């Protein structure tokens, strides 16, 4: 995943959005940071890929909800 993460960020920087999305999609969700997910969403938006954008927004919202539930459960 670290190798693909580097590729994703480099591809985004060089505006190779197709390669960046391929790299983002190859990283297991459990190993993605919030910044990774945000970058994947930005990649999709910049590429004009509405389906991918919706997917990454949904993933972001789900992970945030899970994080909040973990915090609440720990009270």
PDB file of N, CA and C in Angstrom:
ATOM      1  N   UNK A   1       0.801  -1.219   0.000  1.00  0.00           N
ATOM      2  CA  UNK A   1       0.000   0.000   0.000  1.00  0.00           C
ATOM      3  C   UNK A   1       0.841   1.278   0.000  1.00  0.00           C
ATOM      4  N   UNK A   2       1.991   1.259   0.673  1.00  0.00           N
ATOM      5  CA  UNK A   2       2.818   2.472   0.708  1.00  0.00           C
ATOM      6  C   UNK A   2       3.309   2.847  -0.686  1.00  0.00           C
ATOM      7  N   UNK A   3       3.680   1.837  -1.466  1.00  0.00           N
ATOM      8  CA  UNK A   3       4.146   2.073  -2.836  1.00  0.00           C
ATOM      9  C   UNK A   3       3.024   2.677  -3.680  1.00  0.00           C
ATOM     10  N   UNK A   4       1.836   2.106  -3.574  1.00  0.00           N
ATOM     11  CA  UNK A   4       0.697   2.625  -4.342  1.00  0.00           C
ATOM     12  C   UNK A   4       0.306   4.021  -3.880  1.00  0.00           C
ATOM     13  N   UNK A   5       0.442   4.281  -2.595  1.00  0.00           N
ATOM     14  CA  UNK A   5       0.135   5.616  -2.068  1.00  0.00           C
ATOM     15  C   UNK A   5       1.072   6.656  -2.692  1.00  0.00           C
ATOM     16  N   UNK A   6       2.355   6.331  -2.754  1.00  0.00           N
ATOM     17  CA  UNK A   6       3.333   7.236  -3.376  1.00  0.00           C
ATOM     18  C   UNK A   6       2.975   7.466  -4.837  1.00  0.00           C
ATOM     19  N   UNK A   7       2.631   6.394  -5.539  1.00  0.00           N
ATOM     20  CA  UNK A   7       2.245   6.510  -6.948  1.00  0.00           C
ATOM     21  C   UNK A   7       1.009   7.390  -7.090  1.00  0.00           C
ATOM     22  N   UNK A   8       0.026   7.198  -6.210  1.00  0.00           N
ATOM     23  CA  UNK A   8      -1.211   7.982  -6.287  1.00  0.00           C
ATOM     24  C   UNK A   8      -0.927   9.471  -6.124  1.00  0.00           C
ATOM     25  N   UNK A   9      -0.136   9.822  -5.120  1.00  0.00           N
ATOM     26  CA  UNK A   9       0.179  11.236  -4.901  1.00  0.00           C
ATOM     27  C   UNK A   9       1.015  11.813  -6.044  1.00  0.00           C
ATOM     28  N   UNK A  10       1.958  11.033  -6.554  1.00  0.00           N
ATOM     29  CA  UNK A  10       2.770  11.514  -7.680  1.00  0.00           C
ATOM     30  C   UNK A  10       1.907  11.687  -8.930  1.00  0.00           C
ATOM     31  N   UNK A  11       1.018  10.728  -9.172  1.00  0.00           N
ATOM     32  CA  UNK A  11       0.147  10.817 -10.347  1.00  0.00           C
ATOM     33  C   UNK A  11      -0.792  12.014 -10.234  1.00  0.00           C
ATOM     34  N   UNK A  12      -1.305  12.266  -9.038  1.00  0.00           N
ATOM     35  CA  UNK A  12      -2.159  13.439  -8.835  1.00  0.00           C
ATOM     36  C   UNK A  12      -1.368  14.718  -9.108  1.00  0.00           C
ATOM     37  N   UNK A  13      -0.155  14.775  -8.597  1.00  0.00           N
ATOM     38  CA  UNK A  13       0.685  15.964  -8.784  1.00  0.00           C
ATOM     39  C   UNK A  13       0.971  16.225 -10.260  1.00  0.00           C
ATOM     40  N   UNK A  14       1.145  15.159 -11.040  1.00  0.00           N
ATOM     41  CA  UNK A  14       1.456  15.309 -12.466  1.00  0.00           C
ATOM     42  C   UNK A  14       0.199  15.297 -13.341  1.00  0.00           C
ATOM     43  N   UNK A  15      -0.961  15.324 -12.695  1.00  0.00           N
ATOM     44  CA  UNK A  15      -2.262  15.388 -13.375  1.00  0.00           C
ATOM     45  C   UNK A  15      -2.581  14.136 -14.190  1.00  0.00           C
ATOM     46  N   UNK A  16      -2.025  13.001 -13.778  1.00  0.00           N
ATOM     47  CA  UNK A  16      -2.364  11.718 -14.394  1.00  0.00           C
ATOM     48  C   UNK A  16      -3.471  11.106 -13.532  1.00  0.00           C
ATOM     49  N   UNK A  17      -4.678  11.647 -13.687  1.00  0.00           N
ATOM     50  CA  UNK A  17      -5.779  11.306 -12.802  1.00  0.00           C
ATOM     51  C   UNK A  17      -6.221   9.855 -12.922  1.00  0.00           C
ATOM     52  N   UNK A  18      -6.174   9.309 -14.122  1.00  0.00           N
ATOM     53  CA  UNK A  18      -6.555   7.909 -14.298  1.00  0.00           C
ATOM     54  C   UNK A  18      -5.625   7.009 -13.493  1.00  0.00           C
ATOM     55  N   UNK A  19      -4.329   7.266 -13.574  1.00  0.00           N
ATOM     56  CA  UNK A  19      -3.361   6.453 -12.818  1.00  0.00           C
ATOM     57  C   UNK A  19      -3.529   6.673 -11.328  1.00  0.00           C
ATOM     58  N   UNK A  20      -3.791   7.900 -10.930  1.00  0.00           N
ATOM     59  CA  UNK A  20      -3.985   8.188  -9.505  1.00  0.00           C
ATOM     60  C   UNK A  20      -5.192   7.433  -8.961  1.00  0.00           C
ATOM     61  N   UNK A  21      -6.308   7.457  -9.689  1.00  0.00           N
ATOM     62  CA  UNK A  21      -7.498   6.739  -9.230  1.00  0.00           C
ATOM     63  C   UNK A  21      -7.256   5.237  -9.167  1.00  0.00           C
ATOM     64  N   UNK A  22      -6.522   4.723 -10.139  1.00  0.00           N
ATOM     65  CA  UNK A  22      -6.188   3.299 -10.115  1.00  0.00           C
ATOM     66  C   UNK A  22      -5.383   2.971  -8.859  1.00  0.00           C
ATOM     67  N   UNK A  23      -4.435   3.824  -8.539  1.00  0.00           N
ATOM     68  CA  UNK A  23      -3.617   3.603  -7.341  1.00  0.00           C
ATOM     69  C   UNK A  23      -4.456   3.721  -6.071  1.00  0.00           C
ATOM     70  N   UNK A  24      -5.300   4.752  -5.987  1.00  0.00           N
ATOM     71  CA  UNK A  24      -6.145   4.894  -4.795  1.00  0.00           C
ATOM     72  C   UNK A  24      -7.014   3.661  -4.607  1.00  0.00           C
ATOM     73  N   UNK A  25      -7.572   3.178  -5.694  1.00  0.00           N
ATOM     74  CA  UNK A  25      -8.464   2.023  -5.602  1.00  0.00           C
ATOM     75  C   UNK A  25      -7.738   0.728  -5.260  1.00  0.00           C
ATOM     76  N   UNK A  26      -6.434   0.701  -5.371  1.00  0.00           N
ATOM     77  CA  UNK A  26      -5.682  -0.515  -5.057  1.00  0.00           C
ATOM     78  C   UNK A  26      -5.240  -0.578  -3.589  1.00  0.00           C
ATOM     79  N   UNK A  27      -5.427   0.507  -2.865  1.00  0.00           N
ATOM     80  CA  UNK A  27      -5.034   0.538  -1.451  1.00  0.00           C
ATOM     81  C   UNK A  27      -6.216   0.063  -0.602  1.00  0.00           C
ATOM     82  N   UNK A  28      -6.000  -0.918   0.272  1.00  0.00           N
ATOM     83  CA  UNK A  28      -7.091  -1.363   1.153  1.00  0.00           C
ATOM     84  C   UNK A  28      -7.612  -0.195   1.995  1.00  0.00           C
ATOM     85  N   UNK A  29      -8.930  -0.081   2.098  1.00  0.00           N
ATOM     86  CA  UNK A  29      -9.531   1.047   2.820  1.00  0.00           C
ATOM     87  C   UNK A  29      -9.037   1.152   4.255  1.00  0.00           C
ATOM     88  N   UNK A  30      -8.811   0.025   4.896  1.00  0.00           N
ATOM     89  CA  UNK A  30      -8.353   0.047   6.288  1.00  0.00           C
ATOM     90  C   UNK A  30      -6.985   0.709   6.427  1.00  0.00           C
ATOM     91  N   UNK A  31      -6.246   0.771   5.332  1.00  0.00           N
ATOM     92  CA  UNK A  31      -4.901   1.344   5.378  1.00  0.00           C
ATOM     93  C   UNK A  31      -4.848   2.770   4.840  1.00  0.00           C
ATOM     94  N   UNK A  32      -6.008   3.312   4.476  1.00  0.00           N
ATOM     95  CA  UNK A  32      -6.045   4.681   3.961  1.00  0.00           C
ATOM     96  C   UNK A  32      -6.264   5.668   5.098  1.00  0.00           C
ATOM     97  N   UNK A  33      -5.524   6.755   5.041  1.00  0.00           N
ATOM     98  CA  UNK A  33      -5.684   7.826   6.019  1.00  0.00           C
ATOM     99  C   UNK A  33      -6.810   8.755   5.549  1.00  0.00           C
ATOM    100  N   UNK A  34      -7.322   9.602   6.445  1.00  0.00           N
ATOM    101  CA  UNK A  34      -8.306  10.596   6.004  1.00  0.00           C
ATOM    102  C   UNK A  34      -7.766  11.479   4.872  1.00  0.00           C
ATOM    103  N   UNK A  35      -6.484  11.825   4.930  1.00  0.00           N
ATOM    104  CA  UNK A  35      -5.886  12.633   3.857  1.00  0.00           C
ATOM    105  C   UNK A  35      -5.861  11.870   2.534  1.00  0.00           C
ATOM    106  N   UNK A  36      -5.609  10.561   2.597  1.00  0.00           N
ATOM    107  CA  UNK A  36      -5.634   9.743   1.380  1.00  0.00           C
ATOM    108  C   UNK A  36      -7.021   9.771   0.749  1.00  0.00           C
ATOM    109  N   UNK A  37      -8.031   9.591   1.584  1.00  0.00           N
ATOM    110  CA  UNK A  37      -9.408   9.550   1.086  1.00  0.00           C
ATOM    111  C   UNK A  37      -9.799  10.903   0.502  1.00  0.00           C
ATOM    112  N   UNK A  38      -9.416  11.975   1.169  1.00  0.00           N
ATOM    113  CA  UNK A  38      -9.681  13.317   0.641  1.00  0.00           C
ATOM    114  C   UNK A  38      -8.973  13.512  -0.694  1.00  0.00           C
ATOM    115  N   UNK A  39      -7.738  13.074  -0.786  1.00  0.00           N
ATOM    116  CA  UNK A  39      -6.987  13.205  -2.040  1.00  0.00           C
ATOM    117  C   UNK A  39      -7.615  12.376  -3.151  1.00  0.00           C
ATOM    118  N   UNK A  40      -8.126  11.207  -2.809  1.00  0.00           N
ATOM    119  CA  UNK A  40      -8.813  10.382  -3.809  1.00  0.00           C
ATOM    120  C   UNK A  40     -10.070  11.092  -4.307  1.00  0.00           C
ATOM    121  N   UNK A  41     -10.804  11.719  -3.394  1.00  0.00           N
ATOM    122  CA  UNK A  41     -12.003  12.466  -3.788  1.00  0.00           C
ATOM    123  C   UNK A  41     -11.634  13.664  -4.661  1.00  0.00           C
ATOM    124  N   UNK A  42     -10.584  14.366  -4.290  1.00  0.00           N
ATOM    125  CA  UNK A  42     -10.123  15.505  -5.095  1.00  0.00           C
ATOM    126  C   UNK A  42      -9.699  15.034  -6.480  1.00  0.00           C
ATOM    127  N   UNK A  43      -9.016  13.900  -6.534  1.00  0.00           N
ATOM    128  CA  UNK A  43      -8.611  13.335  -7.822  1.00  0.00           C
ATOM    129  C   UNK A  43      -9.829  13.068  -8.688  1.00  0.00           C
ATOM    130  N   UNK A  44     -10.832  12.420  -8.103  1.00  0.00           N
ATOM    131  CA  UNK A  44     -12.046  12.092  -8.858  1.00  0.00           C
ATOM    132  C   UNK A  44     -12.754  13.354  -9.334  1.00  0.00           C
ATOM    133  N   UNK A  45     -12.859  14.349  -8.455  1.00  0.00           N
ATOM    134  CA  UNK A  45     -13.524  15.597  -8.837  1.00  0.00           C
ATOM    135  C   UNK A  45     -12.765  16.291  -9.960  1.00  0.00           C
ATOM    136  N   UNK A  46     -11.462  16.369  -9.835  1.00  0.00           N
ATOM    137  CA  UNK A  46     -10.642  17.033 -10.847  1.00  0.00           C
ATOM    138  C   UNK A  46     -10.717  16.303 -12.176  1.00  0.00           C
ATOM    139  N   UNK A  47     -10.824  14.975 -12.104  1.00  0.00           N
ATOM    140  CA  UNK A  47     -10.921  14.165 -13.319  1.00  0.00           C
ATOM    141  C   UNK A  47     -12.317  14.226 -13.933  1.00  0.00           C
ATOM    142  N   UNK A  48     -13.276  14.779 -13.199  1.00  0.00           N
ATOM    143  CA  UNK A  48     -14.646  14.844 -13.699  1.00  0.00           C
ATOM    144  C   UNK A  48     -15.374  13.516 -13.613  1.00  0.00           C
ATOM    145  N   UNK A  49     -14.944  12.656 -12.697  1.00  0.00           N
ATOM    146  CA  UNK A  49     -15.537  11.324 -12.543  1.00  0.00           C
ATOM    147  C   UNK A  49     -16.514  11.350 -11.369  1.00  0.00           C
ATOM    148  N   UNK A  50     -17.778  11.640 -11.672  1.00  0.00           N
ATOM    149  CA  UNK A  50     -18.792  11.808 -10.632  1.00  0.00           C
ATOM    150  C   UNK A  50     -19.022  10.526  -9.838  1.00  0.00           C
ATOM    151  N   UNK A  51     -18.975   9.387 -10.495  1.00  0.00           N
ATOM    152  CA  UNK A  51     -19.199   8.113  -9.801  1.00  0.00           C
ATOM    153  C   UNK A  51     -18.109   7.872  -8.755  1.00  0.00           C
ATOM    154  N   UNK A  52     -16.861   8.079  -9.151  1.00  0.00           N
ATOM    155  CA  UNK A  52     -15.745   7.906  -8.212  1.00  0.00           C
ATOM    156  C   UNK A  52     -15.828   8.933  -7.084  1.00  0.00           C
ATOM    157  N   UNK A  53     -16.204  10.149  -7.417  1.00  0.00           N
ATOM    158  CA  UNK A  53     -16.322  11.186  -6.398  1.00  0.00           C
ATOM    159  C   UNK A  53     -17.365  10.792  -5.356  1.00  0.00           C
ATOM    160  N   UNK A  54     -18.536  10.329  -5.813  1.00  0.00           N
ATOM    161  CA  UNK A  54     -19.579   9.893  -4.882  1.00  0.00           C
ATOM    162  C   UNK A  54     -19.078   8.762  -3.998  1.00  0.00           C
ATOM    163  N   UNK A  55     -18.329   7.833  -4.598  1.00  0.00           N
ATOM    164  CA  UNK A  55     -17.794   6.701  -3.839  1.00  0.00           C
ATOM    165  C   UNK A  55     -16.866   7.180  -2.729  1.00  0.00           C
ATOM    166  N   UNK A  56     -15.937   8.067  -3.058  1.00  0.00           N
ATOM    167  CA  UNK A  56     -14.969   8.522  -2.061  1.00  0.00           C
ATOM    168  C   UNK A  56     -15.620   9.386  -0.990  1.00  0.00           C
ATOM    169  N   UNK A  57     -16.616  10.165  -1.352  1.00  0.00           N
ATOM    170  CA  UNK A  57     -17.351  10.939  -0.346  1.00  0.00           C
ATOM    171  C   UNK A  57     -18.079   9.992   0.601  1.00  0.00           C
ATOM    172  N   UNK A  58     -18.698   8.961   0.049  1.00  0.00           N
ATOM    173  CA  UNK A  58     -19.394   7.969   0.867  1.00  0.00           C
ATOM    174  C   UNK A  58     -18.427   7.263   1.817  1.00  0.00           C
ATOM    175  N   UNK A  59     -17.267   6.887   1.308  1.00  0.00           N
ATOM    176  CA  UNK A  59     -16.250   6.237   2.146  1.00  0.00           C
ATOM    177  C   UNK A  59     -15.818   7.174   3.266  1.00  0.00           C
ATOM    178  N   UNK A  60     -15.595   8.423   2.930  1.00  0.00           N
ATOM    179  CA  UNK A  60     -15.179   9.405   3.930  1.00  0.00           C
ATOM    180  C   UNK A  60     -16.230   9.546   5.026  1.00  0.00           C
ATOM    181  N   UNK A  61     -17.478   9.644   4.634  1.00  0.00           N
ATOM    182  CA  UNK A  61     -18.562   9.785   5.601  1.00  0.00           C
ATOM    183  C   UNK A  61     -18.682   8.540   6.476  1.00  0.00           C
ATOM    184  N   UNK A  62     -18.549   7.361   5.879  1.00  0.00           N
ATOM    185  CA  UNK A  62     -18.640   6.111   6.636  1.00  0.00           C
ATOM    186  C   UNK A  62     -17.513   5.997   7.656  1.00  0.00           C
ATOM    187  N   UNK A  63     -16.303   6.332   7.237  1.00  0.00           N
ATOM    188  CA  UNK A  63     -15.165   6.257   8.160  1.00  0.00           C
ATOM    189  C   UNK A  63     -15.312   7.272   9.289  1.00  0.00           C
ATOM    190  N   UNK A  64     -15.815   8.444   8.983  1.00  0.00           N
ATOM    191  CA  UNK A  64     -16.005   9.465  10.012  1.00  0.00           C
ATOM    192  C   UNK A  64     -17.069   9.012  11.012  1.00  0.00           C
ATOM    193  N   UNK A  65     -18.144   8.408  10.505  1.00  0.00           N
ATOM    194  CA  UNK A  65     -19.195   7.912  11.391  1.00  0.00           C
ATOM    195  C   UNK A  65     -18.642   6.802  12.288  1.00  0.00           C
ATOM    196  N   UNK A  66     -17.855   5.901  11.724  1.00  0.00           N
ATOM    197  CA  UNK A  66     -17.260   4.816  12.513  1.00  0.00           C
ATOM    198  C   UNK A  66     -16.335   5.386  13.587  1.00  0.00           C
ATOM    199  N   UNK A  67     -15.575   6.406  13.234  1.00  0.00           N
ATOM    200  CA  UNK A  67     -14.677   7.041  14.201  1.00  0.00           C
ATOM    201  C   UNK A  67     -15.473   7.654  15.349  1.00  0.00           C
ATOM    202  N   UNK A  68     -16.556   8.332  15.023  1.00  0.00           N
ATOM    203  CA  UNK A  68     -17.376   8.962  16.059  1.00  0.00           C
ATOM    204  C   UNK A  68     -18.025   7.917  16.957  1.00  0.00           C
ATOM    205  N   UNK A  69     -18.467   6.816  16.372  1.00  0.00           N
ATOM    206  CA  UNK A  69     -19.088   5.755  17.163  1.00  0.00           C
ATOM    207  C   UNK A  69     -18.067   5.126  18.109  1.00  0.00           C
ATOM    208  N   UNK A  70     -16.826   5.014  17.678  1.00  0.00           N
ATOM    209  CA  UNK A  70     -15.768   4.479  18.533  1.00  0.00           C
ATOM    210  C   UNK A  70     -15.531   5.412  19.717  1.00  0.00           C
ATOM    211  N   UNK A  71     -15.531   6.704  19.445  1.00  0.00           N
ATOM    212  CA  UNK A  71     -15.339   7.685  20.519  1.00  0.00           C
ATOM    213  C   UNK A  71     -16.496   7.608  21.505  1.00  0.00           C
ATOM    214  N   UNK A  72     -17.719   7.560  21.000  1.00  0.00           N
ATOM    215  CA  UNK A  72     -18.903   7.491  21.859  1.00  0.00           C
ATOM    216  C   UNK A  72     -18.887   6.202  22.675  1.00  0.00           C
ATOM    217  N   UNK A  73     -18.506   5.108  22.037  1.00  0.00           N
ATOM    218  CA  UNK A  73     -18.452   3.822  22.733  1.00  0.00           C
ATOM    219  C   UNK A  73     -17.428   3.797  23.844  1.00  0.00           C
ATOM    220  N   UNK A  74     -16.419   4.642  23.741  1.00  0.00           N
ATOM    221  CA  UNK A  74     -15.371   4.684  24.751  1.00  0.00           C
ATOM    222  C   UNK A  74     -15.694   5.572  25.940  1.00  0.00           C
ATOM    223  N   UNK A  75     -16.836   6.246  25.900  1.00  0.00           N
ATOM    224  CA  UNK A  75     -17.193   7.153  27.005  1.00  0.00           C
ATOM    225  C   UNK A  75     -17.627   6.396  28.235  1.00  0.00           C
TER     226      UNK A  75
END
